[in-house]
N, C-alpha and C. Protein backbone atom coordinates (compact mmCIF):
# COMPACT_ATOMS: atom_id res chain seq x y z
N MET A 1 57.57 -18.65 -0.54
CA MET A 1 57.39 -17.26 -0.89
C MET A 1 57.20 -16.46 0.40
N THR A 2 58.12 -15.60 0.70
CA THR A 2 58.10 -14.80 1.92
C THR A 2 57.32 -13.51 1.67
N ARG A 3 56.52 -13.12 2.65
CA ARG A 3 55.78 -11.86 2.55
C ARG A 3 56.77 -10.72 2.43
N ASN A 4 56.50 -9.79 1.51
CA ASN A 4 57.34 -8.61 1.43
C ASN A 4 56.52 -7.33 1.32
N MET A 5 55.21 -7.43 1.59
CA MET A 5 54.33 -6.27 1.53
C MET A 5 53.62 -6.08 2.87
N GLY A 6 53.62 -4.86 3.35
CA GLY A 6 52.94 -4.54 4.59
C GLY A 6 51.45 -4.29 4.36
N THR A 7 50.73 -4.15 5.44
CA THR A 7 49.28 -3.97 5.38
C THR A 7 48.89 -2.69 4.65
N ALA A 8 49.55 -1.60 4.94
CA ALA A 8 49.22 -0.33 4.29
C ALA A 8 49.43 -0.43 2.77
N ASP A 9 50.51 -1.05 2.37
CA ASP A 9 50.81 -1.24 0.96
C ASP A 9 49.73 -2.07 0.28
N ARG A 10 49.29 -3.13 0.94
CA ARG A 10 48.25 -4.00 0.40
C ARG A 10 46.92 -3.27 0.27
N ILE A 11 46.57 -2.46 1.27
CA ILE A 11 45.31 -1.71 1.23
C ILE A 11 45.31 -0.70 0.09
N VAL A 12 46.41 0.00 -0.08
CA VAL A 12 46.50 1.00 -1.15
C VAL A 12 46.37 0.32 -2.51
N ARG A 13 47.05 -0.79 -2.70
CA ARG A 13 46.96 -1.49 -3.98
C ARG A 13 45.55 -1.97 -4.29
N ALA A 14 44.91 -2.59 -3.28
CA ALA A 14 43.61 -3.22 -3.50
C ALA A 14 42.46 -2.22 -3.57
N PHE A 15 42.51 -1.17 -2.76
CA PHE A 15 41.35 -0.29 -2.64
C PHE A 15 41.53 1.09 -3.23
N VAL A 16 42.73 1.42 -3.70
CA VAL A 16 42.95 2.72 -4.34
C VAL A 16 43.44 2.53 -5.78
N VAL A 17 44.57 1.85 -5.93
CA VAL A 17 45.19 1.74 -7.26
C VAL A 17 44.36 0.88 -8.21
N ALA A 18 43.95 -0.30 -7.78
CA ALA A 18 43.20 -1.19 -8.66
C ALA A 18 41.89 -0.56 -9.15
N PRO A 19 41.07 0.04 -8.26
CA PRO A 19 39.85 0.69 -8.76
C PRO A 19 40.13 1.84 -9.72
N LEU A 20 41.19 2.60 -9.46
CA LEU A 20 41.53 3.68 -10.39
C LEU A 20 41.93 3.14 -11.76
N LEU A 21 42.64 2.02 -11.77
CA LEU A 21 43.01 1.40 -13.05
C LEU A 21 41.77 0.90 -13.80
N VAL A 22 40.80 0.35 -13.08
CA VAL A 22 39.57 -0.12 -13.72
C VAL A 22 38.77 1.06 -14.26
N ILE A 23 38.72 2.16 -13.52
CA ILE A 23 38.04 3.36 -14.01
C ILE A 23 38.73 3.88 -15.27
N GLY A 24 40.06 3.88 -15.26
CA GLY A 24 40.81 4.28 -16.46
C GLY A 24 40.52 3.37 -17.63
N ALA A 25 40.39 2.08 -17.37
CA ALA A 25 40.07 1.13 -18.44
C ALA A 25 38.68 1.38 -18.98
N ALA A 26 37.74 1.72 -18.11
CA ALA A 26 36.38 2.01 -18.56
C ALA A 26 36.36 3.27 -19.42
N LEU A 27 37.13 4.27 -19.03
CA LEU A 27 37.19 5.50 -19.81
C LEU A 27 37.87 5.28 -21.16
N ALA A 28 38.89 4.43 -21.18
CA ALA A 28 39.60 4.14 -22.43
C ALA A 28 38.82 3.16 -23.31
N GLY A 29 37.92 2.41 -22.68
CA GLY A 29 37.19 1.37 -23.41
C GLY A 29 37.82 0.03 -23.10
N PHE A 30 37.03 -0.86 -22.52
CA PHE A 30 37.57 -2.15 -22.11
C PHE A 30 38.11 -2.97 -23.28
N ALA A 31 37.61 -2.75 -24.47
CA ALA A 31 38.05 -3.51 -25.64
C ALA A 31 39.30 -2.93 -26.29
N SER A 32 39.71 -1.73 -25.88
CA SER A 32 40.91 -1.13 -26.47
C SER A 32 42.16 -1.76 -25.85
N VAL A 33 43.27 -1.57 -26.50
CA VAL A 33 44.54 -2.11 -26.00
C VAL A 33 44.85 -1.49 -24.64
N LEU A 34 44.69 -0.20 -24.51
CA LEU A 34 44.95 0.47 -23.24
C LEU A 34 44.02 -0.06 -22.15
N GLY A 35 42.77 -0.27 -22.48
CA GLY A 35 41.81 -0.80 -21.52
C GLY A 35 42.20 -2.17 -21.02
N VAL A 36 42.62 -3.03 -21.93
CA VAL A 36 43.04 -4.39 -21.55
C VAL A 36 44.27 -4.34 -20.67
N VAL A 37 45.23 -3.50 -21.01
CA VAL A 37 46.46 -3.37 -20.21
C VAL A 37 46.12 -2.88 -18.80
N LEU A 38 45.22 -1.92 -18.71
CA LEU A 38 44.86 -1.39 -17.39
C LEU A 38 44.11 -2.42 -16.55
N VAL A 39 43.26 -3.22 -17.16
CA VAL A 39 42.56 -4.27 -16.42
C VAL A 39 43.55 -5.34 -15.93
N VAL A 40 44.50 -5.70 -16.77
CA VAL A 40 45.52 -6.68 -16.37
C VAL A 40 46.35 -6.13 -15.22
N LEU A 41 46.73 -4.86 -15.29
CA LEU A 41 47.48 -4.24 -14.19
C LEU A 41 46.66 -4.21 -12.91
N ALA A 42 45.37 -3.94 -13.02
CA ALA A 42 44.50 -3.95 -11.84
C ALA A 42 44.44 -5.35 -11.23
N ALA A 43 44.36 -6.37 -12.07
CA ALA A 43 44.34 -7.75 -11.58
C ALA A 43 45.65 -8.10 -10.88
N VAL A 44 46.75 -7.64 -11.41
CA VAL A 44 48.05 -7.88 -10.78
C VAL A 44 48.11 -7.18 -9.42
N MET A 45 47.61 -5.97 -9.34
CA MET A 45 47.60 -5.24 -8.07
C MET A 45 46.78 -5.98 -7.02
N VAL A 46 45.61 -6.46 -7.39
CA VAL A 46 44.76 -7.19 -6.45
C VAL A 46 45.41 -8.52 -6.07
N GLY A 47 45.99 -9.21 -7.05
CA GLY A 47 46.64 -10.49 -6.78
C GLY A 47 47.83 -10.37 -5.85
N THR A 48 48.67 -9.38 -6.09
CA THR A 48 49.83 -9.21 -5.22
C THR A 48 49.41 -8.75 -3.83
N ALA A 49 48.35 -7.97 -3.74
CA ALA A 49 47.84 -7.56 -2.43
C ALA A 49 47.27 -8.76 -1.68
N ALA A 50 46.64 -9.67 -2.38
CA ALA A 50 46.03 -10.83 -1.73
C ALA A 50 47.07 -11.77 -1.14
N VAL A 51 48.17 -11.95 -1.84
CA VAL A 51 49.19 -12.89 -1.36
C VAL A 51 50.32 -12.20 -0.58
N ALA A 52 50.28 -10.87 -0.51
CA ALA A 52 51.28 -10.07 0.23
C ALA A 52 52.69 -10.28 -0.29
N TYR A 53 52.81 -10.51 -1.57
CA TYR A 53 54.12 -10.73 -2.18
C TYR A 53 54.17 -10.01 -3.52
N CYS A 54 55.21 -9.22 -3.73
CA CYS A 54 55.40 -8.52 -4.99
C CYS A 54 56.76 -8.94 -5.58
N PRO A 55 56.74 -9.58 -6.74
CA PRO A 55 58.00 -10.01 -7.36
C PRO A 55 58.96 -8.85 -7.64
N LEU A 56 58.43 -7.69 -8.01
CA LEU A 56 59.29 -6.54 -8.26
C LEU A 56 59.97 -6.05 -6.99
N TYR A 57 59.28 -6.16 -5.85
CA TYR A 57 59.90 -5.81 -4.58
C TYR A 57 61.08 -6.73 -4.30
N SER A 58 60.94 -8.00 -4.63
CA SER A 58 62.03 -8.95 -4.42
C SER A 58 63.24 -8.60 -5.27
N LEU A 59 62.99 -8.25 -6.52
CA LEU A 59 64.09 -7.88 -7.41
C LEU A 59 64.81 -6.63 -6.91
N ALA A 60 64.05 -5.69 -6.34
CA ALA A 60 64.63 -4.44 -5.85
C ALA A 60 65.06 -4.54 -4.39
N HIS A 61 64.87 -5.73 -3.77
CA HIS A 61 65.20 -5.95 -2.36
C HIS A 61 64.45 -4.99 -1.44
N LEU A 62 63.17 -4.72 -1.78
CA LEU A 62 62.31 -3.91 -0.93
C LEU A 62 61.51 -4.82 -0.02
N HIS A 63 61.18 -4.32 1.15
CA HIS A 63 60.45 -5.12 2.13
C HIS A 63 59.63 -4.15 2.98
N THR A 64 58.31 -4.09 2.76
CA THR A 64 57.47 -3.17 3.52
C THR A 64 56.72 -3.87 4.64
N ASP A 65 56.87 -5.18 4.79
CA ASP A 65 56.23 -5.92 5.87
C ASP A 65 57.19 -5.96 7.05
N HIS A 66 56.92 -5.17 8.06
CA HIS A 66 57.83 -5.07 9.19
C HIS A 66 57.52 -6.08 10.29
N ARG A 67 56.49 -6.90 10.08
CA ARG A 67 56.15 -7.92 11.08
C ARG A 67 56.92 -9.21 10.85
N GLY A 68 57.39 -9.44 9.64
CA GLY A 68 57.90 -10.75 9.27
C GLY A 68 59.41 -10.92 9.32
N GLY A 69 60.12 -10.34 10.23
CA GLY A 69 61.55 -10.60 10.36
C GLY A 69 62.40 -9.81 9.40
N ALA A 70 63.54 -10.37 9.07
CA ALA A 70 64.52 -9.67 8.22
C ALA A 70 64.08 -9.65 6.77
N PRO A 71 64.47 -8.61 6.04
CA PRO A 71 64.17 -8.56 4.61
C PRO A 71 64.82 -9.71 3.86
N ALA A 72 64.14 -10.16 2.82
CA ALA A 72 64.65 -11.30 2.02
C ALA A 72 65.76 -10.87 1.11
């Protein structure tokens, strides 16, 4: 699995998007369908930021990690 996410992208996902999704889930109610979906999306954001790989980026041939050579 080749890195396809840069540092800025990872920071935004982990420290901006994921907390906002959790706040949205809290406002919607964690037990509601929307709350569960938002928590799952937050977990995906943190997980992809942790491993620096986004499967959707691979499908779209996006590559924001400029340290790791040629795009996959």
